Amino acid sequence: MDLIFFLFPFLLFFVLLGAALYQVIKRARELPHLVKDGVETQGRIIGKRPSFRRRRANPSIRYEFQDAMGRTYQRKSYVPHSLYEKLKVGDPFDIVYLPQNPRVSAGKYLVDQVRSVSHAK
């Protein structure tokens, strides 16, 4: 029983690390598809959440948008502090989404950054 209490923090750490790594890999696989096949539209900011550690973690926003069929989608996205400070709830927010899977979306600024890096190669 003592061994379980001893190992629990380590197990929790690795589970959380694995979940974070999964999200990073998932996003890295989505971005090339957004660059190639994404459709631009304008969403709006519906929420903001500051980071808890200002220097390490980026704050997040929540945005919503409608696809070509009029269905509404929401997504949480981590953004740089400089962009976070400029945005207000209710502001328009340019996004890119996949028409075949609108749940996959990103801020246009991020897709543009990926495009510029891929064009530079």
PDB file of N, CA and C in Angstrom:
ATOM      1  N   MET A   1       0.817  -1.191   0.000  1.00  0.00           N
ATOM      2  CA  MET A   1       0.000   0.000   0.000  1.00  0.00           C
ATOM      3  C   MET A   1       0.865   1.261   0.000  1.00  0.00           C
ATOM      4  N   ASP A   2       1.961   1.229   0.761  1.00  0.00           N
ATOM      5  CA  ASP A   2       2.860   2.376   0.775  1.00  0.00           C
ATOM      6  C   ASP A   2       3.496   2.603  -0.590  1.00  0.00           C
ATOM      7  N   LEU A   3       3.741   1.519  -1.303  1.00  0.00           N
ATOM      8  CA  LEU A   3       4.326   1.615  -2.635  1.00  0.00           C
ATOM      9  C   LEU A   3       3.387   2.361  -3.589  1.00  0.00           C
ATOM     10  N   ILE A   4       2.105   2.121  -3.474  1.00  0.00           N
ATOM     11  CA  ILE A   4       1.119   2.808  -4.329  1.00  0.00           C
ATOM     12  C   ILE A   4       1.157   4.310  -4.062  1.00  0.00           C
ATOM     13  N   PHE A   5       1.182   4.694  -2.802  1.00  0.00           N
ATOM     14  CA  PHE A   5       1.246   6.119  -2.464  1.00  0.00           C
ATOM     15  C   PHE A   5       2.551   6.747  -2.924  1.00  0.00           C
ATOM     16  N   PHE A   6       3.602   5.966  -2.909  1.00  0.00           N
ATOM     17  CA  PHE A   6       4.897   6.455  -3.366  1.00  0.00           C
ATOM     18  C   PHE A   6       4.907   6.645  -4.885  1.00  0.00           C
ATOM     19  N   LEU A   7       4.325   5.695  -5.611  1.00  0.00           N
ATOM     20  CA  LEU A   7       4.350   5.728  -7.069  1.00  0.00           C
ATOM     21  C   LEU A   7       3.287   6.628  -7.689  1.00  0.00           C
ATOM     22  N   PHE A   8       2.229   6.924  -6.955  1.00  0.00           N
ATOM     23  CA  PHE A   8       1.125   7.702  -7.515  1.00  0.00           C
ATOM     24  C   PHE A   8       1.562   9.027  -8.139  1.00  0.00           C
ATOM     25  N   PRO A   9       2.380   9.859  -7.480  1.00  0.00           N
ATOM     26  CA  PRO A   9       2.787  11.123  -8.124  1.00  0.00           C
ATOM     27  C   PRO A   9       3.538  10.904  -9.438  1.00  0.00           C
ATOM     28  N   PHE A  10       4.354   9.874  -9.502  1.00  0.00           N
ATOM     29  CA  PHE A  10       5.096   9.587 -10.734  1.00  0.00           C
ATOM     30  C   PHE A  10       4.144   9.148 -11.845  1.00  0.00           C
ATOM     31  N   LEU A  11       3.206   8.279 -11.498  1.00  0.00           N
ATOM     32  CA  LEU A  11       2.229   7.824 -12.486  1.00  0.00           C
ATOM     33  C   LEU A  11       1.381   8.985 -12.991  1.00  0.00           C
ATOM     34  N   LEU A  12       0.947   9.831 -12.089  1.00  0.00           N
ATOM     35  CA  LEU A  12       0.153  10.996 -12.470  1.00  0.00           C
ATOM     36  C   LEU A  12       0.951  11.911 -13.399  1.00  0.00           C
ATOM     37  N   PHE A  13       2.213  12.122 -13.078  1.00  0.00           N
ATOM     38  CA  PHE A  13       3.076  12.949 -13.911  1.00  0.00           C
ATOM     39  C   PHE A  13       3.151  12.393 -15.333  1.00  0.00           C
ATOM     40  N   PHE A  14       3.376  11.093 -15.455  1.00  0.00           N
ATOM     41  CA  PHE A  14       3.516  10.492 -16.787  1.00  0.00           C
ATOM     42  C   PHE A  14       2.193  10.475 -17.551  1.00  0.00           C
ATOM     43  N   VAL A  15       1.096  10.323 -16.865  1.00  0.00           N
ATOM     44  CA  VAL A  15      -0.214  10.381 -17.534  1.00  0.00           C
ATOM     45  C   VAL A  15      -0.450  11.789 -18.069  1.00  0.00           C
ATOM     46  N   LEU A  16      -0.182  12.791 -17.251  1.00  0.00           N
ATOM     47  CA  LEU A  16      -0.367  14.179 -17.697  1.00  0.00           C
ATOM     48  C   LEU A  16       0.601  14.537 -18.820  1.00  0.00           C
ATOM     49  N   LEU A  17       1.827  14.082 -18.708  1.00  0.00           N
ATOM     50  CA  LEU A  17       2.811  14.313 -19.765  1.00  0.00           C
ATOM     51  C   LEU A  17       2.369  13.651 -21.067  1.00  0.00           C
ATOM     52  N   GLY A  18       1.866  12.446 -20.977  1.00  0.00           N
ATOM     53  CA  GLY A  18       1.380  11.735 -22.154  1.00  0.00           C
ATOM     54  C   GLY A  18       0.203  12.454 -22.800  1.00  0.00           C
ATOM     55  N   ALA A  19      -0.709  12.973 -21.993  1.00  0.00           N
ATOM     56  CA  ALA A  19      -1.866  13.697 -22.525  1.00  0.00           C
ATOM     57  C   ALA A  19      -1.423  14.982 -23.226  1.00  0.00           C
ATOM     58  N   ALA A  20      -0.478  15.675 -22.641  1.00  0.00           N
ATOM     59  CA  ALA A  20       0.030  16.906 -23.266  1.00  0.00           C
ATOM     60  C   ALA A  20       0.763  16.592 -24.567  1.00  0.00           C
ATOM     61  N   LEU A  21       1.557  15.554 -24.560  1.00  0.00           N
ATOM     62  CA  LEU A  21       2.286  15.151 -25.760  1.00  0.00           C
ATOM     63  C   LEU A  21       1.318  14.739 -26.873  1.00  0.00           C
ATOM     64  N   TYR A  22       0.264  14.041 -26.516  1.00  0.00           N
ATOM     65  CA  TYR A  22      -0.756  13.650 -27.489  1.00  0.00           C
ATOM     66  C   TYR A  22      -1.361  14.885 -28.155  1.00  0.00           C
ATOM     67  N   GLN A  23      -1.686  15.908 -27.379  1.00  0.00           N
ATOM     68  CA  GLN A  23      -2.277  17.133 -27.927  1.00  0.00           C
ATOM     69  C   GLN A  23      -1.313  17.843 -28.880  1.00  0.00           C
ATOM     70  N   VAL A  24      -0.044  17.875 -28.512  1.00  0.00           N
ATOM     71  CA  VAL A  24       0.959  18.526 -29.365  1.00  0.00           C
ATOM     72  C   VAL A  24       1.086  17.776 -30.690  1.00  0.00           C
ATOM     73  N   ILE A  25       1.160  16.462 -30.629  1.00  0.00           N
ATOM     74  CA  ILE A  25       1.289  15.663 -31.852  1.00  0.00           C
ATOM     75  C   ILE A  25       0.031  15.799 -32.711  1.00  0.00           C
ATOM     76  N   LYS A  26      -1.126  15.767 -32.078  1.00  0.00           N
ATOM     77  CA  LYS A  26      -2.386  15.910 -32.812  1.00  0.00           C
ATOM     78  C   LYS A  26      -2.420  17.243 -33.552  1.00  0.00           C
ATOM     79  N   ARG A  27      -2.041  18.320 -32.870  1.00  0.00           N
ATOM     80  CA  ARG A  27      -2.052  19.651 -33.487  1.00  0.00           C
ATOM     81  C   ARG A  27      -1.031  19.731 -34.622  1.00  0.00           C
ATOM     82  N   ALA A  28       0.125  19.136 -34.420  1.00  0.00           N
ATOM     83  CA  ALA A  28       1.155  19.145 -35.464  1.00  0.00           C
ATOM     84  C   ALA A  28       0.680  18.404 -36.711  1.00  0.00           C
ATOM     85  N   ARG A  29      -0.160  17.407 -36.552  1.00  0.00           N
ATOM     86  CA  ARG A  29      -0.694  16.676 -37.702  1.00  0.00           C
ATOM     87  C   ARG A  29      -1.837  17.431 -38.365  1.00  0.00           C
ATOM     88  N   GLU A  30      -2.554  18.264 -37.626  1.00  0.00           N
ATOM     89  CA  GLU A  30      -3.677  19.023 -38.182  1.00  0.00           C
ATOM     90  C   GLU A  30      -3.216  20.208 -39.031  1.00  0.00           C
ATOM     91  N   LEU A  31      -2.166  20.879 -38.600  1.00  0.00           N
ATOM     92  CA  LEU A  31      -1.763  22.125 -39.251  1.00  0.00           C
ATOM     93  C   LEU A  31      -1.450  21.991 -40.740  1.00  0.00           C
ATOM     94  N   PRO A  32      -0.726  20.959 -41.189  1.00  0.00           N
ATOM     95  CA  PRO A  32      -0.494  20.847 -42.638  1.00  0.00           C
ATOM     96  C   PRO A  32      -1.791  20.711 -43.436  1.00  0.00           C
ATOM     97  N   HIS A  33      -2.778  20.027 -42.873  1.00  0.00           N
ATOM     98  CA  HIS A  33      -4.077  19.899 -43.550  1.00  0.00           C
ATOM     99  C   HIS A  33      -4.792  21.246 -43.621  1.00  0.00           C
ATOM    100  N   LEU A  34      -4.683  22.029 -42.555  1.00  0.00           N
ATOM    101  CA  LEU A  34      -5.297  23.361 -42.563  1.00  0.00           C
ATOM    102  C   LEU A  34      -4.617  24.266 -43.591  1.00  0.00           C
ATOM    103  N   VAL A  35      -3.309  24.157 -43.713  1.00  0.00           N
ATOM    104  CA  VAL A  35      -2.572  24.956 -44.700  1.00  0.00           C
ATOM    105  C   VAL A  35      -3.019  24.592 -46.109  1.00  0.00           C
ATOM    106  N   LYS A  36      -3.134  23.304 -46.376  1.00  0.00           N
ATOM    107  CA  LYS A  36      -3.435  22.835 -47.729  1.00  0.00           C
ATOM    108  C   LYS A  36      -4.919  22.953 -48.087  1.00  0.00           C
ATOM    109  N   ASP A  37      -5.807  22.525 -47.198  1.00  0.00           N
ATOM    110  CA  ASP A  37      -7.225  22.390 -47.534  1.00  0.00           C
ATOM    111  C   ASP A  37      -8.148  23.301 -46.733  1.00  0.00           C
ATOM    112  N   GLY A  38      -7.592  24.123 -45.863  1.00  0.00           N
ATOM    113  CA  GLY A  38      -8.418  24.924 -44.970  1.00  0.00           C
ATOM    114  C   GLY A  38      -9.200  26.030 -45.669  1.00  0.00           C
ATOM    115  N   VAL A  39     -10.335  26.360 -45.083  1.00  0.00           N
ATOM    116  CA  VAL A  39     -11.209  27.434 -45.554  1.00  0.00           C
ATOM    117  C   VAL A  39     -11.183  28.540 -44.504  1.00  0.00           C
ATOM    118  N   GLU A  40     -11.008  29.766 -44.960  1.00  0.00           N
ATOM    119  CA  GLU A  40     -10.973  30.900 -44.037  1.00  0.00           C
ATOM    120  C   GLU A  40     -12.386  31.391 -43.750  1.00  0.00           C
ATOM    121  N   THR A  41     -12.602  31.777 -42.515  1.00  0.00           N
ATOM    122  CA  THR A  41     -13.857  32.405 -42.125  1.00  0.00           C
ATOM    123  C   THR A  41     -13.595  33.279 -40.905  1.00  0.00           C
ATOM    124  N   GLN A  42     -14.594  34.022 -40.525  1.00  0.00           N
ATOM    125  CA  GLN A  42     -14.435  34.872 -39.349  1.00  0.00           C
ATOM    126  C   GLN A  42     -15.284  34.317 -38.215  1.00  0.00           C
ATOM    127  N   GLY A  43     -14.627  34.092 -37.098  1.00  0.00           N
ATOM    128  CA  GLY A  43     -15.317  33.674 -35.897  1.00  0.00           C
ATOM    129  C   GLY A  43     -15.346  34.836 -34.924  1.00  0.00           C
ATOM    130  N   ARG A  44     -15.620  34.524 -33.679  1.00  0.00           N
ATOM    131  CA  ARG A  44     -15.567  35.563 -32.648  1.00  0.00           C
ATOM    132  C   ARG A  44     -15.078  34.961 -31.341  1.00  0.00           C
ATOM    133  N   ILE A  45     -14.439  35.806 -30.569  1.00  0.00           N
ATOM    134  CA  ILE A  45     -13.916  35.400 -29.264  1.00  0.00           C
ATOM    135  C   ILE A  45     -15.086  35.303 -28.295  1.00  0.00           C
ATOM    136  N   ILE A  46     -15.210  34.149 -27.625  1.00  0.00           N
ATOM    137  CA  ILE A  46     -16.299  33.988 -26.652  1.00  0.00           C
ATOM    138  C   ILE A  46     -15.775  33.797 -25.230  1.00  0.00           C
ATOM    139  N   GLY A  47     -14.446  33.729 -25.081  1.00  0.00           N
ATOM    140  CA  GLY A  47     -13.885  33.596 -23.743  1.00  0.00           C
ATOM    141  C   GLY A  47     -12.380  33.763 -23.761  1.00  0.00           C
ATOM    142  N   LYS A  48     -11.843  34.158 -22.621  1.00  0.00           N
ATOM    143  CA  LYS A  48     -10.393  34.318 -22.455  1.00  0.00           C
ATOM    144  C   LYS A  48     -10.011  33.744 -21.098  1.00  0.00           C
ATOM    145  N   ARG A  49      -8.830  33.152 -21.053  1.00  0.00           N
ATOM    146  CA  ARG A  49      -8.324  32.630 -19.786  1.00  0.00           C
ATOM    147  C   ARG A  49      -6.836  32.934 -19.688  1.00  0.00           C
ATOM    148  N   PRO A  50      -6.435  33.694 -18.680  1.00  0.00           N
ATOM    149  CA  PRO A  50      -5.008  34.033 -18.554  1.00  0.00           C
ATOM    150  C   PRO A  50      -4.186  32.805 -18.166  1.00  0.00           C
ATOM    151  N   SER A  51      -2.897  32.898 -18.432  1.00  0.00           N
ATOM    152  CA  SER A  51      -2.023  31.804 -18.006  1.00  0.00           C
ATOM    153  C   SER A  51      -1.738  31.977 -16.521  1.00  0.00           C
ATOM    154  N   PHE A  52      -1.449  30.866 -15.887  1.00  0.00           N
ATOM    155  CA  PHE A  52      -1.149  30.930 -14.460  1.00  0.00           C
ATOM    156  C   PHE A  52       0.301  31.282 -14.203  1.00  0.00           C
ATOM    157  N   ARG A  53       1.154  30.907 -15.141  1.00  0.00           N
ATOM    158  CA  ARG A  53       2.569  31.238 -15.023  1.00  0.00           C
ATOM    159  C   ARG A  53       2.920  32.097 -16.226  1.00  0.00           C
ATOM    160  N   ARG A  54       2.948  33.368 -16.058  1.00  0.00           N
ATOM    161  CA  ARG A  54       3.049  34.320 -17.159  1.00  0.00           C
ATOM    162  C   ARG A  54       4.220  34.036 -18.105  1.00  0.00           C
ATOM    163  N   ARG A  55       5.348  33.628 -17.592  1.00  0.00           N
ATOM    164  CA  ARG A  55       6.512  33.451 -18.464  1.00  0.00           C
ATOM    165  C   ARG A  55       6.536  32.103 -19.174  1.00  0.00           C
ATOM    166  N   ARG A  56       5.835  31.121 -18.660  1.00  0.00           N
ATOM    167  CA  ARG A  56       5.976  29.777 -19.219  1.00  0.00           C
ATOM    168  C   ARG A  56       4.816  29.353 -20.107  1.00  0.00           C
ATOM    169  N   ALA A  57       3.628  29.492 -19.635  1.00  0.00           N
ATOM    170  CA  ALA A  57       2.482  28.976 -20.383  1.00  0.00           C
ATOM    171  C   ALA A  57       1.744  30.109 -21.079  1.00  0.00           C
ATOM    172  N   ASN A  58       1.258  29.824 -22.260  1.00  0.00           N
ATOM    173  CA  ASN A  58       0.473  30.815 -22.987  1.00  0.00           C
ATOM    174  C   ASN A  58      -0.958  30.829 -22.470  1.00  0.00           C
ATOM    175  N   PRO A  59      -1.570  32.000 -22.505  1.00  0.00           N
ATOM    176  CA  PRO A  59      -2.987  32.071 -22.142  1.00  0.00           C
ATOM    177  C   PRO A  59      -3.824  31.433 -23.238  1.00  0.00           C
ATOM    178  N   SER A  60      -5.099  31.240 -22.965  1.00  0.00           N
ATOM    179  CA  SER A  60      -5.959  30.620 -23.963  1.00  0.00           C
ATOM    180  C   SER A  60      -7.181  31.495 -24.240  1.00  0.00           C
ATOM    181  N   ILE A  61      -7.716  31.282 -25.415  1.00  0.00           N
ATOM    182  CA  ILE A  61      -8.970  31.914 -25.800  1.00  0.00           C
ATOM    183  C   ILE A  61      -9.926  30.805 -26.209  1.00  0.00           C
ATOM    184  N   ARG A  62     -11.192  31.120 -26.230  1.00  0.00           N
ATOM    185  CA  ARG A  62     -12.201  30.228 -26.789  1.00  0.00           C
ATOM    186  C   ARG A  62     -12.890  31.023 -27.875  1.00  0.00           C
ATOM    187  N   TYR A  63     -13.007  30.413 -29.046  1.00  0.00           N
ATOM    188  CA  TYR A  63     -13.675  31.092 -30.152  1.00  0.00           C
ATOM    189  C   TYR A  63     -14.763  30.189 -30.721  1.00  0.00           C
ATOM    190  N   GLU A  64     -15.683  30.819 -31.445  1.00  0.00           N
ATOM    191  CA  GLU A  64     -16.694  30.054 -32.154  1.00  0.00           C
ATOM    192  C   GLU A  64     -16.803  30.583 -33.569  1.00  0.00           C
ATOM    193  N   PHE A  65     -17.268  29.714 -34.452  1.00  0.00           N
ATOM    194  CA  PHE A  65     -17.454  30.083 -35.855  1.00  0.00           C
ATOM    195  C   PHE A  65     -18.520  29.182 -36.447  1.00  0.00           C
ATOM    196  N   GLN A  66     -18.989  29.567 -37.616  1.00  0.00           N
ATOM    197  CA  GLN A  66     -19.953  28.750 -38.342  1.00  0.00           C
ATOM    198  C   GLN A  66     -19.318  28.238 -39.627  1.00  0.00           C
ATOM    199  N   ASP A  67     -19.611  26.986 -39.949  1.00  0.00           N
ATOM    200  CA  ASP A  67     -19.122  26.425 -41.210  1.00  0.00           C
ATOM    201  C   ASP A  67     -20.068  26.841 -42.349  1.00  0.00           C
ATOM    202  N   ALA A  68     -19.789  26.375 -43.542  1.00  0.00           N
ATOM    203  CA  ALA A  68     -20.577  26.748 -44.717  1.00  0.00           C
ATOM    204  C   ALA A  68     -22.035  26.293 -44.615  1.00  0.00           C
ATOM    205  N   MET A  69     -22.305  25.288 -43.788  1.00  0.00           N
ATOM    206  CA  MET A  69     -23.675  24.788 -43.604  1.00  0.00           C
ATOM    207  C   MET A  69     -24.410  25.524 -42.480  1.00  0.00           C
ATOM    208  N   GLY A  70     -23.729  26.462 -41.821  1.00  0.00           N
ATOM    209  CA  GLY A  70     -24.350  27.228 -40.751  1.00  0.00           C
ATOM    210  C   GLY A  70     -24.262  26.592 -39.375  1.00  0.00           C
ATOM    211  N   ARG A  71     -23.535  25.482 -39.259  1.00  0.00           N
ATOM    212  CA  ARG A  71     -23.358  24.843 -37.955  1.00  0.00           C
ATOM    213  C   ARG A  71     -22.287  25.583 -37.162  1.00  0.00           C
ATOM    214  N   THR A  72     -22.512  25.717 -35.880  1.00  0.00           N
ATOM    215  CA  THR A  72     -21.598  26.453 -35.009  1.00  0.00           C
ATOM    216  C   THR A  72     -20.649  25.494 -34.311  1.00  0.00           C
ATOM    217  N   TYR A  73     -19.366  25.889 -34.271  1.00  0.00           N
ATOM    218  CA  TYR A  73     -18.318  25.109 -33.608  1.00  0.00           C
ATOM    219  C   TYR A  73     -17.572  26.022 -32.653  1.00  0.00           C
ATOM    220  N   GLN A  74     -17.033  25.427 -31.594  1.00  0.00           N
ATOM    221  CA  GLN A  74     -16.211  26.156 -30.634  1.00  0.00           C
ATOM    222  C   GLN A  74     -14.891  25.429 -30.467  1.00  0.00           C
ATOM    223  N   ARG A  75     -13.860  26.213 -30.159  1.00  0.00           N
ATOM    224  CA  ARG A  75     -12.552  25.613 -29.903  1.00  0.00           C
ATOM    225  C   ARG A  75     -11.776  26.489 -28.931  1.00  0.00           C
ATOM    226  N   LYS A  76     -11.012  25.823 -28.112  1.00  0.00           N
ATOM    227  CA  LYS A  76     -10.074  26.505 -27.216  1.00  0.00           C
ATOM    228  C   LYS A  76      -8.731  26.515 -27.912  1.00  0.00           C
ATOM    229  N   SER A  77      -8.016  27.624 -27.801  1.00  0.00           N
ATOM    230  CA  SER A  77      -6.719  27.731 -28.451  1.00  0.00           C
ATOM    231  C   SER A  77      -5.770  28.531 -27.573  1.00  0.00           C
ATOM    232  N   TYR A  78      -4.551  28.026 -27.445  1.00  0.00           N
ATOM    233  CA  TYR A  78      -3.513  28.782 -26.741  1.00  0.00           C
ATOM    234  C   TYR A  78      -2.938  29.804 -27.704  1.00  0.00           C
ATOM    235  N   VAL A  79      -2.740  31.020 -27.215  1.00  0.00           N
ATOM    236  CA  VAL A  79      -2.251  32.102 -28.059  1.00  0.00           C
ATOM    237  C   VAL A  79      -1.096  32.812 -27.363  1.00  0.00           C
ATOM    238  N   PRO A  80      -0.245  33.487 -28.132  1.00  0.00           N
ATOM    239  CA  PRO A  80       0.841  34.258 -27.515  1.00  0.00           C
ATOM    240  C   PRO A  80       0.281  35.387 -26.650  1.00  0.00           C
ATOM    241  N   HIS A  81       1.039  35.770 -25.640  1.00  0.00           N
ATOM    242  CA  HIS A  81       0.604  36.861 -24.747  1.00  0.00           C
ATOM    243  C   HIS A  81       0.284  38.133 -25.527  1.00  0.00           C
ATOM    244  N   SER A  82       1.094  38.440 -26.539  1.00  0.00           N
ATOM    245  CA  SER A  82       0.884  39.678 -27.295  1.00  0.00           C
ATOM    246  C   SER A  82      -0.475  39.688 -27.982  1.00  0.00           C
ATOM    247  N   LEU A  83      -0.908  38.562 -28.520  1.00  0.00           N
ATOM    248  CA  LEU A  83      -2.225  38.491 -29.156  1.00  0.00           C
ATOM    249  C   LEU A  83      -3.328  38.482 -28.108  1.00  0.00           C
ATOM    250  N   TYR A  84      -3.115  37.753 -27.029  1.00  0.00           N
ATOM    251  CA  TYR A  84      -4.103  37.666 -25.948  1.00  0.00           C
ATOM    252  C   TYR A  84      -4.459  39.054 -25.411  1.00  0.00           C
ATOM    253  N   GLU A  85      -3.446  39.879 -25.231  1.00  0.00           N
ATOM    254  CA  GLU A  85      -3.680  41.217 -24.678  1.00  0.00           C
ATOM    255  C   GLU A  85      -4.524  42.092 -25.606  1.00  0.00           C
ATOM    256  N   LYS A  86      -4.442  41.858 -26.918  1.00  0.00           N
ATOM    257  CA  LYS A  86      -5.179  42.670 -27.889  1.00  0.00           C
ATOM    258  C   LYS A  86      -6.641  42.248 -28.022  1.00  0.00           C
ATOM    259  N   LEU A  87      -6.934  40.988 -27.734  1.00  0.00           N
ATOM    260  CA  LEU A  87      -8.270  40.455 -27.972  1.00  0.00           C
ATOM    261  C   LEU A  87      -9.208  40.698 -26.804  1.00  0.00           C
ATOM    262  N   LYS A  88     -10.469  40.936 -27.146  1.00  0.00           N
ATOM    263  CA  LYS A  88     -11.527  41.092 -26.140  1.00  0.00           C
ATOM    264  C   LYS A  88     -12.653  40.126 -26.486  1.00  0.00           C
ATOM    265  N   VAL A  89     -13.397  39.715 -25.482  1.00  0.00           N
ATOM    266  CA  VAL A  89     -14.558  38.870 -25.732  1.00  0.00           C
ATOM    267  C   VAL A  89     -15.508  39.638 -26.645  1.00  0.00           C
ATOM    268  N   GLY A  90     -15.968  38.965 -27.684  1.00  0.00           N
ATOM    269  CA  GLY A  90     -16.849  39.580 -28.671  1.00  0.00           C
ATOM    270  C   GLY A  90     -16.126  40.045 -29.925  1.00  0.00           C
ATOM    271  N   ASP A  91     -14.788  40.153 -29.866  1.00  0.00           N
ATOM    272  CA  ASP A  91     -14.010  40.578 -31.035  1.00  0.00           C
ATOM    273  C   ASP A  91     -14.081  39.534 -32.137  1.00  0.00           C
ATOM    274  N   PRO A  92     -14.004  39.974 -33.394  1.00  0.00           N
ATOM    275  CA  PRO A  92     -13.881  39.010 -34.489  1.00  0.00           C
ATOM    276  C   PRO A  92     -12.513  38.328 -34.425  1.00  0.00           C
ATOM    277  N   PHE A  93     -12.459  37.102 -34.915  1.00  0.00           N
ATOM    278  CA  PHE A  93     -11.222  36.331 -34.890  1.00  0.00           C
ATOM    279  C   PHE A  93     -11.178  35.486 -36.157  1.00  0.00           C
ATOM    280  N   ASP A  94     -10.214  35.784 -37.026  1.00  0.00           N
ATOM    281  CA  ASP A  94     -10.088  35.058 -38.284  1.00  0.00           C
ATOM    282  C   ASP A  94      -9.555  33.659 -38.022  1.00  0.00           C
ATOM    283  N   ILE A  95     -10.231  32.678 -38.590  1.00  0.00           N
ATOM    284  CA  ILE A  95      -9.834  31.290 -38.399  1.00  0.00           C
ATOM    285  C   ILE A  95      -9.799  30.569 -39.745  1.00  0.00           C
ATOM    286  N   VAL A  96      -9.208  29.388 -39.711  1.00  0.00           N
ATOM    287  CA  VAL A  96      -9.178  28.472 -40.852  1.00  0.00           C
ATOM    288  C   VAL A  96      -9.673  27.134 -40.321  1.00  0.00           C
ATOM    289  N   TYR A  97     -10.586  26.493 -41.072  1.00  0.00           N
ATOM    290  CA  TYR A  97     -11.100  25.194 -40.653  1.00  0.00           C
ATOM    291  C   TYR A  97     -11.119  24.241 -41.843  1.00  0.00           C
ATOM    292  N   LEU A  98     -11.222  22.956 -41.546  1.00  0.00           N
ATOM    293  CA  LEU A  98     -11.304  21.950 -42.599  1.00  0.00           C
ATOM    294  C   LEU A  98     -12.771  21.720 -42.949  1.00  0.00           C
ATOM    295  N   PRO A  99     -13.165  21.946 -44.200  1.00  0.00           N
ATOM    296  CA  PRO A  99     -14.576  21.771 -44.557  1.00  0.00           C
ATOM    297  C   PRO A  99     -15.071  20.336 -44.346  1.00  0.00           C
ATOM    298  N   GLN A 100     -14.206  19.336 -44.533  1.00  0.00           N
ATOM    299  CA  GLN A 100     -14.612  17.952 -44.335  1.00  0.00           C
ATOM    300  C   GLN A 100     -14.668  17.565 -42.860  1.00  0.00           C
ATOM    301  N   ASN A 101     -14.072  18.383 -41.984  1.00  0.00           N
ATOM    302  CA  ASN A 101     -14.100  18.143 -40.538  1.00  0.00           C
ATOM    303  C   ASN A 101     -13.948  19.485 -39.818  1.00  0.00           C
ATOM    304  N   PRO A 102     -15.025  20.270 -39.726  1.00  0.00           N
ATOM    305  CA  PRO A 102     -14.926  21.617 -39.150  1.00  0.00           C
ATOM    306  C   PRO A 102     -14.468  21.672 -37.691  1.00  0.00           C
ATOM    307  N   ARG A 103     -14.452  20.537 -37.012  1.00  0.00           N
ATOM    308  CA  ARG A 103     -13.936  20.549 -35.633  1.00  0.00           C
ATOM    309  C   ARG A 103     -12.434  20.842 -35.611  1.00  0.00           C
ATOM    310  N   VAL A 104     -11.794  20.646 -36.759  1.00  0.00           N
ATOM    311  CA  VAL A 104     -10.368  20.966 -36.887  1.00  0.00           C
ATOM    312  C   VAL A 104     -10.268  22.398 -37.392  1.00  0.00           C
ATOM    313  N   SER A 105      -9.773  23.271 -36.528  1.00  0.00           N
ATOM    314  CA  SER A 105      -9.648  24.688 -36.881  1.00  0.00           C
ATOM    315  C   SER A 105      -8.482  25.287 -36.117  1.00  0.00           C
ATOM    316  N   ALA A 106      -8.068  26.468 -36.574  1.00  0.00           N
ATOM    317  CA  ALA A 106      -6.990  27.196 -35.901  1.00  0.00           C
ATOM    318  C   ALA A 106      -7.110  28.664 -36.270  1.00  0.00           C
ATOM    319  N   GLY A 107      -6.513  29.501 -35.459  1.00  0.00           N
ATOM    320  CA  GLY A 107      -6.448  30.911 -35.801  1.00  0.00           C
ATOM    321  C   GLY A 107      -5.702  31.093 -37.109  1.00  0.00           C
ATOM    322  N   LYS A 108      -6.176  31.998 -37.931  1.00  0.00           N
ATOM    323  CA  LYS A 108      -5.537  32.243 -39.229  1.00  0.00           C
ATOM    324  C   LYS A 108      -4.081  32.656 -39.033  1.00  0.00           C
ATOM    325  N   TYR A 109      -3.797  33.408 -37.974  1.00  0.00           N
ATOM    326  CA  TYR A 109      -2.424  33.841 -37.724  1.00  0.00           C
ATOM    327  C   TYR A 109      -1.482  32.640 -37.623  1.00  0.00           C
ATOM    328  N   LEU A 110      -1.951  31.559 -37.010  1.00  0.00           N
ATOM    329  CA  LEU A 110      -1.122  30.374 -36.843  1.00  0.00           C
ATOM    330  C   LEU A 110      -0.931  29.648 -38.175  1.00  0.00           C
ATOM    331  N   VAL A 111      -1.993  29.527 -38.940  1.00  0.00           N
ATOM    332  CA  VAL A 111      -1.895  28.883 -40.257  1.00  0.00           C
ATOM    333  C   VAL A 111      -0.978  29.699 -41.160  1.00  0.00           C
ATOM    334  N   ASP A 112      -1.068  31.026 -41.088  1.00  0.00           N
ATOM    335  CA  ASP A 112      -0.178  31.884 -41.876  1.00  0.00           C
ATOM    336  C   ASP A 112       1.283  31.688 -41.479  1.00  0.00           C
ATOM    337  N   GLN A 113       1.539  31.501 -40.185  1.00  0.00           N
ATOM    338  CA  GLN A 113       2.914  31.257 -39.739  1.00  0.00           C
ATOM    339  C   GLN A 113       3.445  29.949 -40.321  1.00  0.00           C
ATOM    340  N   VAL A 114       2.626  28.923 -40.313  1.00  0.00           N
ATOM    341  CA  VAL A 114       3.042  27.631 -40.864  1.00  0.00           C
ATOM    342  C   VAL A 114       3.274  27.766 -42.366  1.00  0.00           C
ATOM    343  N   ARG A 115       2.408  28.499 -43.056  1.00  0.00           N
ATOM    344  CA  ARG A 115       2.574  28.719 -44.497  1.00  0.00           C
ATOM    345  C   ARG A 115       3.898  29.423 -44.787  1.00  0.00           C
ATOM    346  N   SER A 116       4.214  30.440 -43.998  1.00  0.00           N
ATOM    347  CA  SER A 116       5.439  31.194 -44.253  1.00  0.00           C
ATOM    348  C   SER A 116       6.681  30.333 -44.029  1.00  0.00           C
ATOM    349  N   VAL A 117       6.626  29.454 -43.035  1.00  0.00           N
ATOM    350  CA  VAL A 117       7.751  28.565 -42.777  1.00  0.00           C
ATOM    351  C   VAL A 117       7.874  27.536 -43.894  1.00  0.00           C
ATOM    352  N   SER A 118       6.755  26.998 -44.360  1.00  0.00           N
ATOM    353  CA  SER A 118       6.821  25.984 -45.406  1.00  0.00           C
ATOM    354  C   SER A 118       7.222  26.591 -46.750  1.00  0.00           C
ATOM    355  N   HIS A 119       6.894  27.870 -46.990  1.00  0.00           N
ATOM    356  CA  HIS A 119       7.327  28.536 -48.225  1.00  0.00           C
ATOM    357  C   HIS A 119       8.805  28.889 -48.188  1.00  0.00           C
ATOM    358  N   ALA A 120       9.336  29.087 -46.975  1.00  0.00           N
ATOM    359  CA  ALA A 120      10.738  29.462 -46.837  1.00  0.00           C
ATOM    360  C   ALA A 120      11.668  28.287 -47.126  1.00  0.00           C
ATOM    361  N   LYS A 121      11.133  27.074 -47.058  1.00  0.00           N
ATOM    362  CA  LYS A 121      11.980  25.881 -47.284  1.00  0.00           C
ATOM    363  C   LYS A 121      12.307  25.688 -48.724  1.00  0.00           C
TER     364      LYS A 121
END
